[in-house]
Amino acid sequence: MNDVIVTSDLTKVYGKTIAVDSVHLQVKKGEVFGFIGLNGAGKTTTIRMLLGMIAPTRGESFIMGEKVKAGNVGLWNHVGYMVETPYSYPELTVKENLEIVWKLRGLKDRSRISWIMDLLELGKYASVKAKHLSLGNGQRLGIAKALIHRPDILILDEPTNGLDPAGIVEVRELLKSLAENEGVTILVSSHNLDEVSRMASTIGIIHNGRLVRKMDTAHLEGELRKTLAVDGRQREVMKEVLLKSGYKPKVTSTLEGSYLELMEDVAVLHPDRVAERLVEAGCPPTLLKVNKENLEAYFLRMIENGEKNHA
């Protein structure tokens, strides 16, 4: 079965609040699926239902073709996870925390403990109590617990919280390597589209409990809006010339200043024609630049579109 993680009509209602609203997910073997949403969008609730931590109000989840339900305990031998706060025994050391997970998982090879500490660069903190770890190293310990049994499926909720830039890159490269080289299927949630787009092959955007957009990251570049910024010493004259030429310029203001913005594809694809028309009219541009929407703006636009479609 190619789809390793599947949810169908997954819904969770608390009183009058719909936390998750009919979410359908399919994650293929060896895929890194980025589950993106603002805080409170429904990411963690979806993950908790997927892991059988809470029961759905409606719908169902499947992992490796088996339905997630009470009693199906053997399924979790293939799954590693970290949800929200990476809980540890605060009075125990890093190594002792990992030894407990090693025992609970029924693992036989004790070298797994040193292996996972080396992998997550926790070796120098082996004798440090968990309560004395920084937020970032606490995250590393949580990921180590999720990975110690070398699972086929890894589900991580905001795994880079608290990590410094170097740590974020290390975790990103680790997850990519697990997927590409070992075929591990990974679902990773975050509120940061920019970061997740660097590691995920597929992205799903959730807002107000609804999955509002799903796409391959390979197509993300083509989804970003592009506009043509134009300015000059005779802005009002330029605006009239552009209007008469069939364009629809609008004044856009930024922290750096204001300029005329053209959103038509013909302007973005052929800025030379815009410049030629302005030069012919005696008002040559001093600014002519194609601007590309950043990922944060795209993310917010998708959320806004999702709200309009649901209204």
Protein backbone atom coordinates (compact mmCIF):
# COMPACT_ATOMS: atom_id res chain seq x y z
CA MET A 1 0.00 0.00 0.00
CA ASN A 2 1.57 3.27 -1.12
CA ASP A 3 -0.32 5.55 1.29
CA VAL A 4 1.19 4.86 4.72
CA ILE A 5 -0.84 7.48 6.62
CA VAL A 6 -4.49 8.09 5.72
CA THR A 7 -7.25 10.05 7.43
CA SER A 8 -10.83 10.08 6.18
CA ASP A 9 -13.36 12.74 7.22
CA LEU A 10 -11.40 13.21 10.45
CA THR A 11 -13.41 15.53 12.70
CA LYS A 12 -13.21 16.61 16.33
CA VAL A 13 -15.86 18.72 18.05
CA TYR A 14 -15.63 20.11 21.58
CA GLY A 15 -19.05 21.40 22.59
CA LYS A 16 -19.87 24.03 19.97
CA THR A 17 -16.24 24.34 18.79
CA ILE A 18 -15.13 22.42 15.70
CA ALA A 19 -11.41 21.88 16.31
CA VAL A 20 -10.88 19.70 13.22
CA ASP A 21 -13.34 19.70 10.34
CA SER A 22 -13.39 16.75 7.94
CA VAL A 23 -9.67 16.46 7.25
CA HIS A 24 -8.54 14.03 4.55
CA LEU A 25 -4.81 13.26 4.44
CA GLN A 26 -2.73 10.81 2.42
CA VAL A 27 1.00 10.47 3.09
CA LYS A 28 3.04 8.12 0.91
CA LYS A 29 5.95 5.90 1.96
CA GLY A 30 9.20 7.83 2.17
CA GLU A 31 7.42 11.17 1.91
CA VAL A 32 7.98 14.17 4.17
CA PHE A 33 4.56 15.75 4.60
CA GLY A 34 4.55 19.29 6.01
CA PHE A 35 1.41 20.05 8.00
CA ILE A 36 1.25 23.84 8.22
CA GLY A 37 -1.05 26.10 10.21
CA LEU A 38 -1.20 28.93 12.71
CA ASN A 39 -1.33 28.13 16.41
CA GLY A 40 -4.81 26.78 17.14
CA ALA A 41 -5.46 25.78 13.51
CA GLY A 42 -6.04 22.12 14.40
CA LYS A 43 -2.61 20.58 13.72
CA THR A 44 -2.04 19.04 17.15
CA THR A 45 -5.63 17.83 17.50
CA THR A 46 -5.35 16.08 14.13
CA ILE A 47 -2.07 14.46 15.17
CA ARG A 48 -3.53 13.33 18.51
CA MET A 49 -6.42 11.63 16.69
CA LEU A 50 -4.01 10.07 14.20
CA LEU A 51 -2.01 8.62 17.11
CA GLY A 52 -5.09 7.36 18.94
CA MET A 53 -4.52 9.73 21.86
CA ILE A 54 -8.04 11.14 21.51
CA ALA A 55 -11.06 9.68 19.75
CA PRO A 56 -12.47 11.49 16.70
CA THR A 57 -16.03 12.76 16.78
CA ARG A 58 -16.33 11.48 13.22
CA GLY A 59 -14.06 9.84 10.66
CA GLU A 60 -11.14 7.45 10.97
CA SER A 61 -7.36 7.10 10.57
CA PHE A 62 -5.21 4.36 9.09
CA ILE A 63 -1.50 3.71 9.53
CA MET A 64 0.15 1.16 7.26
CA GLY A 65 -3.32 0.03 6.21
CA GLU A 66 -4.47 -0.69 9.76
CA LYS A 67 -7.20 1.30 11.43
CA VAL A 68 -6.14 3.34 14.45
CA LYS A 69 -8.24 2.02 17.32
CA ALA A 70 -8.00 0.91 20.92
CA GLY A 71 -6.21 -2.39 21.32
CA ASN A 72 -4.21 -2.21 18.11
CA VAL A 73 -1.01 -1.79 20.11
CA GLY A 74 1.34 -3.60 17.74
CA LEU A 75 0.95 -0.77 15.27
CA TRP A 76 3.00 1.59 17.46
CA ASN A 77 6.15 -0.51 17.11
CA HIS A 78 6.44 1.07 13.66
CA VAL A 79 5.72 4.65 14.75
CA GLY A 80 7.81 7.30 16.50
CA TYR A 81 6.23 10.54 17.61
CA MET A 82 6.61 13.76 19.54
CA VAL A 83 3.52 15.82 20.26
CA GLU A 84 3.68 19.38 21.60
CA THR A 85 6.02 19.50 24.62
CA PRO A 86 8.74 16.81 24.57
CA TYR A 87 8.06 15.43 28.06
CA SER A 88 10.94 13.90 30.01
CA TYR A 89 11.63 12.79 33.56
CA PRO A 90 13.15 16.03 34.89
CA GLU A 91 15.21 14.49 37.68
CA LEU A 92 16.77 11.86 35.40
CA THR A 93 19.69 12.44 33.06
CA VAL A 94 19.50 12.41 29.29
CA LYS A 95 20.96 8.91 29.19
CA GLU A 96 18.59 7.66 31.91
CA ASN A 97 15.59 9.07 30.04
CA LEU A 98 16.67 7.25 26.90
CA GLU A 99 17.31 4.02 28.84
CA ILE A 100 13.70 4.09 30.03
CA VAL A 101 12.39 4.48 26.48
CA TRP A 102 14.79 1.72 25.34
CA LYS A 103 13.32 -0.63 27.97
CA LEU A 104 9.69 0.34 27.32
CA ARG A 105 10.20 -0.26 23.59
CA GLY A 106 11.54 -3.75 24.36
CA LEU A 107 14.75 -3.10 22.44
CA LYS A 108 17.63 -5.59 22.75
CA ASP A 109 20.59 -3.70 21.30
CA ARG A 110 21.87 -1.37 24.03
CA SER A 111 24.07 0.47 21.52
CA ARG A 112 20.89 2.18 20.30
CA ILE A 113 21.24 4.58 23.25
CA SER A 114 24.70 5.83 22.32
CA TRP A 115 23.74 5.75 18.62
CA ILE A 116 20.76 8.08 19.10
CA MET A 117 22.70 10.40 21.42
CA ASP A 118 25.40 10.74 18.76
CA LEU A 119 22.82 11.25 16.01
CA LEU A 120 21.13 14.11 17.91
CA GLU A 121 24.40 15.43 19.36
CA LEU A 122 23.33 14.73 22.92
CA GLY A 123 26.42 12.80 23.98
CA LYS A 124 27.94 15.71 25.91
CA TYR A 125 24.68 16.07 27.85
CA ALA A 126 24.40 12.35 28.74
CA SER A 127 24.87 13.04 32.47
CA VAL A 128 22.83 16.26 32.56
CA LYS A 129 19.41 16.11 34.21
CA ALA A 130 16.58 16.78 31.78
CA LYS A 131 15.36 19.73 33.86
CA HIS A 132 18.66 21.51 33.23
CA LEU A 133 18.54 21.20 29.43
CA SER A 134 17.94 24.23 27.25
CA LEU A 135 14.67 24.37 25.31
CA GLY A 136 16.49 23.34 22.15
CA ASN A 137 18.24 20.36 23.73
CA GLY A 138 14.96 19.34 25.33
CA GLN A 139 13.57 19.20 21.78
CA ARG A 140 16.54 17.08 20.70
CA LEU A 141 15.83 14.65 23.54
CA GLY A 142 12.20 14.43 22.48
CA ILE A 143 13.22 13.64 18.89
CA ALA A 144 15.74 11.08 20.17
CA LYS A 145 12.96 9.27 22.05
CA ALA A 146 10.86 9.21 18.90
CA LEU A 147 13.71 7.78 16.82
CA ILE A 148 15.45 5.33 19.18
CA HIS A 149 13.58 2.27 17.81
CA ARG A 150 14.21 3.31 14.17
CA PRO A 151 10.51 3.56 13.24
CA ASP A 152 9.06 3.30 9.73
CA ILE A 153 6.83 6.31 10.45
CA LEU A 154 7.75 9.50 12.28
CA ILE A 155 5.17 12.05 13.43
CA LEU A 156 6.60 15.25 14.89
CA ASP A 157 4.66 18.25 16.17
CA GLU A 158 6.74 21.47 15.86
CA PRO A 159 10.09 19.64 16.17
CA THR A 160 12.30 22.71 15.63
CA ASN A 161 10.78 24.81 18.44
CA GLY A 162 13.54 26.30 20.54
CA LEU A 163 16.38 25.23 18.26
CA ASP A 164 18.96 27.75 17.12
CA PRO A 165 19.48 28.22 13.35
CA ALA A 166 22.23 25.58 13.22
CA GLY A 167 20.03 23.11 15.11
CA ILE A 168 17.12 23.75 12.76
CA VAL A 169 19.32 22.95 9.77
CA GLU A 170 20.60 19.76 11.47
CA VAL A 171 17.08 18.49 12.20
CA ARG A 172 15.94 19.41 8.69
CA GLU A 173 18.81 17.49 7.08
CA LEU A 174 18.28 14.54 9.43
CA LEU A 175 14.60 14.23 8.49
CA LYS A 176 15.34 14.57 4.79
CA SER A 177 18.01 11.89 5.06
CA LEU A 178 15.69 9.49 6.93
CA ALA A 179 13.07 9.86 4.20
CA GLU A 180 15.39 9.75 1.20
CA ASN A 181 17.89 7.14 2.37
CA GLU A 182 15.88 4.91 4.70
CA GLY A 183 12.34 5.30 3.34
CA VAL A 184 10.95 6.66 6.61
CA THR A 185 7.55 8.30 6.22
CA ILE A 186 7.45 11.62 8.07
CA LEU A 187 4.60 13.93 9.02
CA VAL A 188 5.91 17.15 10.53
CA SER A 189 3.73 20.01 11.73
CA SER A 190 4.80 23.65 11.94
CA HIS A 191 3.59 27.22 11.66
CA ASN A 192 6.62 28.11 9.53
CA LEU A 193 6.01 27.52 5.81
CA ASP A 194 9.48 28.74 4.87
CA GLU A 195 11.24 26.15 7.02
CA VAL A 196 8.95 23.23 6.17
CA SER A 197 9.14 23.96 2.44
CA ARG A 198 12.89 23.22 2.67
CA MET A 199 12.34 19.66 3.87
CA ALA A 200 8.84 18.56 2.83
CA SER A 201 7.89 17.04 -0.51
CA THR A 202 4.21 17.78 0.09
CA ILE A 203 2.54 20.55 2.10
CA GLY A 204 -0.94 20.73 3.57
CA ILE A 205 -2.22 24.02 5.00
CA ILE A 206 -4.82 23.79 7.76
CA HIS A 207 -6.85 26.74 9.06
CA ASN A 208 -9.76 26.78 11.50
CA GLY A 209 -9.71 22.99 11.44
CA ARG A 210 -10.05 22.70 7.66
CA LEU A 211 -7.44 21.59 5.14
CA VAL A 212 -7.50 24.61 2.81
CA ARG A 213 -4.63 23.74 0.46
CA LYS A 214 -2.46 20.78 -0.46
CA MET A 215 0.39 20.84 -2.98
CA ASP A 216 3.75 19.42 -4.00
CA THR A 217 6.56 21.72 -2.91
CA ALA A 218 7.94 21.40 -6.44
CA HIS A 219 4.94 23.46 -7.58
CA LEU A 220 5.20 26.01 -4.79
CA GLU A 221 7.41 28.38 -6.76
CA GLY A 222 4.77 28.63 -9.48
CA GLU A 223 2.10 29.43 -6.89
CA LEU A 224 3.86 32.55 -5.65
CA ARG A 225 2.43 35.76 -7.04
CA LYS A 226 4.73 37.92 -9.14
CA THR A 227 4.19 41.62 -9.81
CA LEU A 228 6.09 44.35 -11.64
CA ALA A 229 7.21 47.37 -9.62
CA VAL A 230 7.52 50.58 -11.66
CA ASP A 231 8.44 54.10 -10.60
CA GLY A 232 9.87 57.29 -11.99
CA ARG A 233 10.06 61.04 -11.57
CA GLN A 234 6.63 61.56 -13.19
CA ARG A 235 4.59 58.93 -11.41
CA GLU A 236 1.16 60.39 -12.19
CA VAL A 237 2.01 60.77 -15.88
CA MET A 238 3.35 57.21 -15.91
CA LYS A 239 0.14 55.97 -14.33
CA GLU A 240 -1.94 57.59 -17.08
CA VAL A 241 0.30 56.18 -19.80
CA LEU A 242 0.04 52.68 -18.34
CA LEU A 243 -3.75 52.93 -18.00
CA LYS A 244 -4.07 53.95 -21.64
CA SER A 245 -1.82 51.02 -22.58
CA GLY A 246 -4.23 48.52 -20.98
CA TYR A 247 -2.47 48.00 -17.65
CA LYS A 248 -4.03 48.54 -14.22
CA PRO A 249 -1.35 50.21 -12.09
CA LYS A 250 -1.94 50.76 -8.40
CA VAL A 251 0.16 52.61 -5.85
CA THR A 252 1.78 50.23 -3.35
CA SER A 253 3.48 51.42 -0.17
CA THR A 254 6.22 49.56 1.73
CA LEU A 255 8.70 50.46 4.45
CA GLU A 256 11.15 51.41 1.71
CA GLY A 257 8.70 53.76 -0.02
CA SER A 258 5.94 53.63 -2.61
CA TYR A 259 5.77 52.72 -6.30
CA LEU A 260 3.37 51.65 -9.04
CA GLU A 261 2.57 47.96 -9.11
CA LEU A 262 1.37 45.98 -12.13
CA MET A 263 -0.15 42.56 -11.45
CA GLU A 264 -0.92 41.48 -15.03
CA ASP A 265 1.02 38.46 -16.31
CA VAL A 266 1.83 40.28 -19.53
CA ALA A 267 3.63 42.99 -17.53
CA VAL A 268 5.54 40.50 -15.37
CA LEU A 269 6.59 38.40 -18.36
CA HIS A 270 7.46 41.38 -20.58
CA PRO A 271 8.75 44.28 -18.44
CA ASP A 272 10.71 45.47 -21.48
CA ARG A 273 7.45 46.38 -23.22
CA VAL A 274 6.37 48.43 -20.20
CA ALA A 275 9.70 50.25 -20.17
CA GLU A 276 9.51 50.86 -23.94
CA ARG A 277 6.03 52.36 -23.69
CA LEU A 278 7.07 54.70 -20.87
CA VAL A 279 10.21 55.83 -22.68
CA GLU A 280 8.18 56.55 -25.81
CA ALA A 281 5.83 58.69 -23.70
CA GLY A 282 8.76 60.72 -22.36
CA CYS A 283 8.66 59.40 -18.78
CA PRO A 284 11.39 56.72 -18.50
CA PRO A 285 11.25 54.53 -15.39
CA THR A 286 13.83 54.75 -12.63
CA LEU A 287 12.53 51.51 -11.14
CA LEU A 288 11.55 48.40 -13.06
CA LYS A 289 11.65 45.22 -10.98
CA VAL A 290 9.76 41.92 -10.81
CA ASN A 291 8.80 41.21 -7.20
CA LYS A 292 7.95 37.72 -5.97
CA GLU A 293 5.57 37.03 -3.09
CA ASN A 294 7.37 35.66 -0.05
CA LEU A 295 6.25 32.42 1.58
CA GLU A 296 4.76 34.15 4.62
CA ALA A 297 2.54 36.31 2.38
CA TYR A 298 1.54 33.23 0.36
CA PHE A 299 0.68 31.34 3.56
CA LEU A 300 -1.52 34.18 4.81
CA ARG A 301 -3.18 34.49 1.39
CA MET A 302 -4.07 30.79 1.37
CA ILE A 303 -5.56 31.16 4.86
CA GLU A 304 -7.57 34.18 3.75
CA ASN A 305 -8.83 32.31 0.69
CA GLY A 306 -9.80 29.40 2.90
CA GLU A 307 -11.85 31.68 5.13
CA LYS A 308 -13.64 33.19 2.10
CA ASN A 309 -14.43 29.77 0.64
CA HIS A 310 -15.85 28.60 3.95
CA ALA A 311 -17.90 31.76 4.53
